[in-house]
């Protein structure tokens, strides 16, 4: 039973880390947009790219779990 629990544990930790990472990206993007509203488009583009990269970690963890 412990092997089953630990087999999925790294997927859960990857999802938790990804959620924290996406939250930090959003927080800093909002802060950067507040400091420089003229660059909002560029900041949004970079934030979307980095959020997608952070979420990709979960897919790698799911792939490695199988």
PDB file of N, CA and C in Angstrom:
ATOM      1  N   UNK A   1       0.827  -1.189   0.000  1.00  0.00           N
ATOM      2  CA  UNK A   1       0.000   0.000   0.000  1.00  0.00           C
ATOM      3  C   UNK A   1       0.873   1.254   0.000  1.00  0.00           C
ATOM      4  N   UNK A   2       1.985   1.226   0.713  1.00  0.00           N
ATOM      5  CA  UNK A   2       2.868   2.389   0.749  1.00  0.00           C
ATOM      6  C   UNK A   2       3.455   2.681  -0.626  1.00  0.00           C
ATOM      7  N   UNK A   3       3.708   1.625  -1.421  1.00  0.00           N
ATOM      8  CA  UNK A   3       4.247   1.829  -2.770  1.00  0.00           C
ATOM      9  C   UNK A   3       3.241   2.551  -3.647  1.00  0.00           C
ATOM     10  N   UNK A   4       1.978   2.273  -3.469  1.00  0.00           N
ATOM     11  CA  UNK A   4       0.941   2.955  -4.248  1.00  0.00           C
ATOM     12  C   UNK A   4       0.870   4.426  -3.862  1.00  0.00           C
ATOM     13  N   UNK A   5       0.972   4.702  -2.586  1.00  0.00           N
ATOM     14  CA  UNK A   5       0.912   6.089  -2.119  1.00  0.00           C
ATOM     15  C   UNK A   5       2.129   6.868  -2.610  1.00  0.00           C
ATOM     16  N   UNK A   6       3.303   6.312  -2.484  1.00  0.00           N
ATOM     17  CA  UNK A   6       4.504   7.030  -2.895  1.00  0.00           C
ATOM     18  C   UNK A   6       4.622   7.118  -4.402  1.00  0.00           C
ATOM     19  N   UNK A   7       3.948   6.221  -5.122  1.00  0.00           N
ATOM     20  CA  UNK A   7       3.980   6.290  -6.577  1.00  0.00           C
ATOM     21  C   UNK A   7       3.305   7.534  -7.114  1.00  0.00           C
ATOM     22  N   UNK A   8       2.285   7.996  -6.429  1.00  0.00           N
ATOM     23  CA  UNK A   8       1.565   9.195  -6.861  1.00  0.00           C
ATOM     24  C   UNK A   8       1.986  10.442  -6.091  1.00  0.00           C
ATOM     25  N   UNK A   9       2.829  10.263  -5.124  1.00  0.00           N
ATOM     26  CA  UNK A   9       3.232  11.394  -4.300  1.00  0.00           C
ATOM     27  C   UNK A   9       3.996  12.438  -5.110  1.00  0.00           C
ATOM     28  N   UNK A  10       4.858  12.020  -6.005  1.00  0.00           N
ATOM     29  CA  UNK A  10       5.638  12.992  -6.767  1.00  0.00           C
ATOM     30  C   UNK A  10       4.758  13.765  -7.751  1.00  0.00           C
ATOM     31  N   UNK A  11       3.669  13.156  -8.220  1.00  0.00           N
ATOM     32  CA  UNK A  11       2.750  13.884  -9.094  1.00  0.00           C
ATOM     33  C   UNK A  11       2.039  14.977  -8.294  1.00  0.00           C
ATOM     34  N   UNK A  12       1.623  14.657  -7.081  1.00  0.00           N
ATOM     35  CA  UNK A  12       0.972  15.648  -6.233  1.00  0.00           C
ATOM     36  C   UNK A  12       1.905  16.785  -5.854  1.00  0.00           C
ATOM     37  N   UNK A  13       3.153  16.442  -5.549  1.00  0.00           N
ATOM     38  CA  UNK A  13       4.122  17.484  -5.221  1.00  0.00           C
ATOM     39  C   UNK A  13       4.435  18.350  -6.434  1.00  0.00           C
ATOM     40  N   UNK A  14       4.495  17.750  -7.606  1.00  0.00           N
ATOM     41  CA  UNK A  14       4.724  18.531  -8.822  1.00  0.00           C
ATOM     42  C   UNK A  14       3.550  19.467  -9.090  1.00  0.00           C
ATOM     43  N   UNK A  15       2.329  18.985  -8.848  1.00  0.00           N
ATOM     44  CA  UNK A  15       1.151  19.837  -9.039  1.00  0.00           C
ATOM     45  C   UNK A  15       1.139  20.985  -8.039  1.00  0.00           C
ATOM     46  N   UNK A  16       1.527  20.700  -6.807  1.00  0.00           N
ATOM     47  CA  UNK A  16       1.588  21.752  -5.796  1.00  0.00           C
ATOM     48  C   UNK A  16       2.645  22.795  -6.157  1.00  0.00           C
ATOM     49  N   UNK A  17       3.813  22.335  -6.569  1.00  0.00           N
ATOM     50  CA  UNK A  17       4.866  23.261  -6.978  1.00  0.00           C
ATOM     51  C   UNK A  17       4.474  24.079  -8.190  1.00  0.00           C
ATOM     52  N   UNK A  18       3.785  23.441  -9.117  1.00  0.00           N
ATOM     53  CA  UNK A  18       3.327  24.152 -10.306  1.00  0.00           C
ATOM     54  C   UNK A  18       2.308  25.227  -9.946  1.00  0.00           C
ATOM     55  N   UNK A  19       1.399  24.899  -9.044  1.00  0.00           N
ATOM     56  CA  UNK A  19       0.394  25.883  -8.625  1.00  0.00           C
ATOM     57  C   UNK A  19       1.044  27.073  -7.928  1.00  0.00           C
ATOM     58  N   UNK A  20       2.028  26.806  -7.106  1.00  0.00           N
ATOM     59  CA  UNK A  20       2.743  27.894  -6.435  1.00  0.00           C
ATOM     60  C   UNK A  20       3.497  28.732  -7.466  1.00  0.00           C
ATOM     61  N   UNK A  21       4.121  28.068  -8.438  1.00  0.00           N
ATOM     62  CA  UNK A  21       4.858  28.784  -9.477  1.00  0.00           C
ATOM     63  C   UNK A  21       3.972  29.668 -10.327  1.00  0.00           C
ATOM     64  N   UNK A  22       2.819  29.158 -10.715  1.00  0.00           N
ATOM     65  CA  UNK A  22       1.890  29.953 -11.521  1.00  0.00           C
ATOM     66  C   UNK A  22       1.368  31.136 -10.702  1.00  0.00           C
ATOM     67  N   UNK A  23       1.135  30.918  -9.424  1.00  0.00           N
ATOM     68  CA  UNK A  23       0.701  32.022  -8.564  1.00  0.00           C
ATOM     69  C   UNK A  23       1.746  33.108  -8.452  1.00  0.00           C
ATOM     70  N   UNK A  24       3.007  32.701  -8.321  1.00  0.00           N
ATOM     71  CA  UNK A  24       4.088  33.684  -8.254  1.00  0.00           C
ATOM     72  C   UNK A  24       4.248  34.437  -9.565  1.00  0.00           C
ATOM     73  N   UNK A  25       4.099  33.731 -10.677  1.00  0.00           N
ATOM     74  CA  UNK A  25       4.192  34.388 -11.993  1.00  0.00           C
ATOM     75  C   UNK A  25       3.086  35.432 -12.125  1.00  0.00           C
ATOM     76  N   UNK A  26       1.863  35.063 -11.736  1.00  0.00           N
ATOM     77  CA  UNK A  26       0.750  36.010 -11.814  1.00  0.00           C
ATOM     78  C   UNK A  26       0.940  37.203 -10.902  1.00  0.00           C
ATOM     79  N   UNK A  27       1.457  36.947  -9.702  1.00  0.00           N
ATOM     80  CA  UNK A  27       1.684  38.025  -8.749  1.00  0.00           C
ATOM     81  C   UNK A  27       2.711  39.016  -9.288  1.00  0.00           C
ATOM     82  N   UNK A  28       3.806  38.503  -9.792  1.00  0.00           N
ATOM     83  CA  UNK A  28       4.859  39.386 -10.283  1.00  0.00           C
ATOM     84  C   UNK A  28       4.454  40.078 -11.584  1.00  0.00           C
ATOM     85  N   UNK A  29       3.635  39.405 -12.402  1.00  0.00           N
ATOM     86  CA  UNK A  29       3.155  40.053 -13.627  1.00  0.00           C
ATOM     87  C   UNK A  29       2.232  41.221 -13.290  1.00  0.00           C
ATOM     88  N   UNK A  30       1.371  41.025 -12.304  1.00  0.00           N
ATOM     89  CA  UNK A  30       0.493  42.121 -11.886  1.00  0.00           C
ATOM     90  C   UNK A  30       1.299  43.273 -11.293  1.00  0.00           C
ATOM     91  N   UNK A  31       2.328  42.929 -10.531  1.00  0.00           N
ATOM     92  CA  UNK A  31       3.184  43.959  -9.955  1.00  0.00           C
ATOM     93  C   UNK A  31       3.931  44.723 -11.048  1.00  0.00           C
ATOM     94  N   UNK A  32       4.443  44.000 -12.035  1.00  0.00           N
ATOM     95  CA  UNK A  32       5.179  44.658 -13.117  1.00  0.00           C
ATOM     96  C   UNK A  32       4.256  45.524 -13.964  1.00  0.00           C
ATOM     97  N   UNK A  33       3.031  45.078 -14.184  1.00  0.00           N
ATOM     98  CA  UNK A  33       2.079  45.877 -14.950  1.00  0.00           C
ATOM     99  C   UNK A  33       1.698  47.137 -14.179  1.00  0.00           C
ATOM    100  N   UNK A  34       1.604  47.031 -12.879  1.00  0.00           N
ATOM    101  CA  UNK A  34       1.313  48.212 -12.063  1.00  0.00           C
ATOM    102  C   UNK A  34       2.437  49.225 -12.108  1.00  0.00           C
ATOM    103  N   UNK A  35       3.664  48.732 -12.196  1.00  0.00           N
ATOM    104  CA  UNK A  35       4.809  49.649 -12.246  1.00  0.00           C
ATOM    105  C   UNK A  35       4.976  50.287 -13.625  1.00  0.00           C
ATOM    106  N   UNK A  36       4.654  49.531 -14.677  1.00  0.00           N
ATOM    107  CA  UNK A  36       4.834  50.027 -16.036  1.00  0.00           C
ATOM    108  C   UNK A  36       3.646  49.599 -16.897  1.00  0.00           C
ATOM    109  N   UNK A  37       2.550  50.355 -16.858  1.00  0.00           N
ATOM    110  CA  UNK A  37       1.344  49.969 -17.606  1.00  0.00           C
ATOM    111  C   UNK A  37       1.548  49.941 -19.122  1.00  0.00           C
ATOM    112  N   UNK A  38       2.521  50.654 -19.607  1.00  0.00           N
ATOM    113  CA  UNK A  38       2.766  50.678 -21.049  1.00  0.00           C
ATOM    114  C   UNK A  38       3.295  49.360 -21.584  1.00  0.00           C
ATOM    115  N   UNK A  39       3.875  48.563 -20.738  1.00  0.00           N
ATOM    116  CA  UNK A  39       4.438  47.284 -21.162  1.00  0.00           C
ATOM    117  C   UNK A  39       3.521  46.120 -20.816  1.00  0.00           C
ATOM    118  N   UNK A  40       2.245  46.377 -20.626  1.00  0.00           N
ATOM    119  CA  UNK A  40       1.316  45.337 -20.184  1.00  0.00           C
ATOM    120  C   UNK A  40       1.231  44.175 -21.173  1.00  0.00           C
ATOM    121  N   UNK A  41       1.246  44.466 -22.462  1.00  0.00           N
ATOM    122  CA  UNK A  41       1.156  43.403 -23.468  1.00  0.00           C
ATOM    123  C   UNK A  41       2.346  42.462 -23.439  1.00  0.00           C
ATOM    124  N   UNK A  42       3.531  43.023 -23.348  1.00  0.00           N
ATOM    125  CA  UNK A  42       4.746  42.201 -23.297  1.00  0.00           C
ATOM    126  C   UNK A  42       4.817  41.400 -22.002  1.00  0.00           C
ATOM    127  N   UNK A  43       4.421  42.026 -20.905  1.00  0.00           N
ATOM    128  CA  UNK A  43       4.438  41.334 -19.615  1.00  0.00           C
ATOM    129  C   UNK A  43       3.445  40.184 -19.626  1.00  0.00           C
ATOM    130  N   UNK A  44       2.257  40.407 -20.181  1.00  0.00           N
ATOM    131  CA  UNK A  44       1.239  39.361 -20.251  1.00  0.00           C
ATOM    132  C   UNK A  44       1.718  38.188 -21.080  1.00  0.00           C
ATOM    133  N   UNK A  45       2.359  38.472 -22.209  1.00  0.00           N
ATOM    134  CA  UNK A  45       2.873  37.409 -23.064  1.00  0.00           C
ATOM    135  C   UNK A  45       3.914  36.565 -22.336  1.00  0.00           C
ATOM    136  N   UNK A  46       4.845  37.215 -21.678  1.00  0.00           N
ATOM    137  CA  UNK A  46       5.869  36.477 -20.941  1.00  0.00           C
ATOM    138  C   UNK A  46       5.274  35.699 -19.780  1.00  0.00           C
ATOM    139  N   UNK A  47       4.274  36.259 -19.109  1.00  0.00           N
ATOM    140  CA  UNK A  47       3.646  35.569 -17.983  1.00  0.00           C
ATOM    141  C   UNK A  47       2.923  34.311 -18.453  1.00  0.00           C
ATOM    142  N   UNK A  48       2.262  34.381 -19.587  1.00  0.00           N
ATOM    143  CA  UNK A  48       1.568  33.203 -20.124  1.00  0.00           C
ATOM    144  C   UNK A  48       2.566  32.123 -20.496  1.00  0.00           C
ATOM    145  N   UNK A  49       3.671  32.501 -21.106  1.00  0.00           N
ATOM    146  CA  UNK A  49       4.691  31.522 -21.490  1.00  0.00           C
ATOM    147  C   UNK A  49       5.283  30.852 -20.253  1.00  0.00           C
ATOM    148  N   UNK A  50       5.637  31.636 -19.237  1.00  0.00           N
ATOM    149  CA  UNK A  50       6.242  31.057 -18.045  1.00  0.00           C
ATOM    150  C   UNK A  50       5.243  30.224 -17.242  1.00  0.00           C
ATOM    151  N   UNK A  51       3.974  30.615 -17.239  1.00  0.00           N
ATOM    152  CA  UNK A  51       2.963  29.807 -16.558  1.00  0.00           C
ATOM    153  C   UNK A  51       2.784  28.463 -17.261  1.00  0.00           C
ATOM    154  N   UNK A  52       2.819  28.477 -18.591  1.00  0.00           N
ATOM    155  CA  UNK A  52       2.706  27.218 -19.337  1.00  0.00           C
ATOM    156  C   UNK A  52       3.912  26.313 -19.080  1.00  0.00           C
ATOM    157  N   UNK A  53       5.082  26.893 -18.966  1.00  0.00           N
ATOM    158  CA  UNK A  53       6.271  26.090 -18.649  1.00  0.00           C
ATOM    159  C   UNK A  53       6.177  25.490 -17.249  1.00  0.00           C
ATOM    160  N   UNK A  54       5.656  26.256 -16.305  1.00  0.00           N
ATOM    161  CA  UNK A  54       5.502  25.738 -14.941  1.00  0.00           C
ATOM    162  C   UNK A  54       4.484  24.605 -14.903  1.00  0.00           C
ATOM    163  N   UNK A  55       3.407  24.725 -15.669  1.00  0.00           N
ATOM    164  CA  UNK A  55       2.394  23.672 -15.698  1.00  0.00           C
ATOM    165  C   UNK A  55       2.889  22.438 -16.438  1.00  0.00           C
ATOM    166  N   UNK A  56       3.857  22.596 -17.307  1.00  0.00           N
ATOM    167  CA  UNK A  56       4.400  21.451 -18.036  1.00  0.00           C
ATOM    168  C   UNK A  56       5.102  20.463 -17.122  1.00  0.00           C
ATOM    169  N   UNK A  57       5.548  20.923 -15.974  1.00  0.00           N
ATOM    170  CA  UNK A  57       6.212  20.040 -15.006  1.00  0.00           C
ATOM    171  C   UNK A  57       5.257  18.939 -14.550  1.00  0.00           C
ATOM    172  N   UNK A  58       3.973  19.260 -14.402  1.00  0.00           N
ATOM    173  CA  UNK A  58       2.998  18.255 -13.969  1.00  0.00           C
ATOM    174  C   UNK A  58       2.867  17.167 -15.026  1.00  0.00           C
ATOM    175  N   UNK A  59       2.855  17.536 -16.276  1.00  0.00           N
ATOM    176  CA  UNK A  59       2.733  16.535 -17.340  1.00  0.00           C
ATOM    177  C   UNK A  59       3.956  15.630 -17.391  1.00  0.00           C
ATOM    178  N   UNK A  60       5.121  16.189 -17.118  1.00  0.00           N
ATOM    179  CA  UNK A  60       6.331  15.359 -17.071  1.00  0.00           C
ATOM    180  C   UNK A  60       6.232  14.386 -15.896  1.00  0.00           C
ATOM    181  N   UNK A  61       5.749  14.846 -14.751  1.00  0.00           N
ATOM    182  CA  UNK A  61       5.614  13.970 -13.591  1.00  0.00           C
ATOM    183  C   UNK A  61       4.580  12.866 -13.847  1.00  0.00           C
ATOM    184  N   UNK A  62       3.491  13.196 -14.515  1.00  0.00           N
ATOM    185  CA  UNK A  62       2.486  12.180 -14.851  1.00  0.00           C
ATOM    186  C   UNK A  62       3.067  11.166 -15.816  1.00  0.00           C
ATOM    187  N   UNK A  63       3.835  11.638 -16.775  1.00  0.00           N
ATOM    188  CA  UNK A  63       4.468  10.724 -17.748  1.00  0.00           C
ATOM    189  C   UNK A  63       5.443   9.795 -17.053  1.00  0.00           C
ATOM    190  N   UNK A  64       6.203  10.305 -16.091  1.00  0.00           N
ATOM    191  CA  UNK A  64       7.175   9.472 -15.388  1.00  0.00           C
ATOM    192  C   UNK A  64       6.504   8.514 -14.411  1.00  0.00           C
ATOM    193  N   UNK A  65       5.264   8.816 -14.005  1.00  0.00           N
ATOM    194  CA  UNK A  65       4.574   7.949 -13.059  1.00  0.00           C
ATOM    195  C   UNK A  65       4.110   6.648 -13.701  1.00  0.00           C
ATOM    196  N   UNK A  66       3.921   6.633 -14.971  1.00  0.00           N
ATOM    197  CA  UNK A  66       3.394   5.439 -15.664  1.00  0.00           C
ATOM    198  C   UNK A  66       4.469   4.418 -15.891  1.00  0.00           C
TER     199      UNK A  66
END
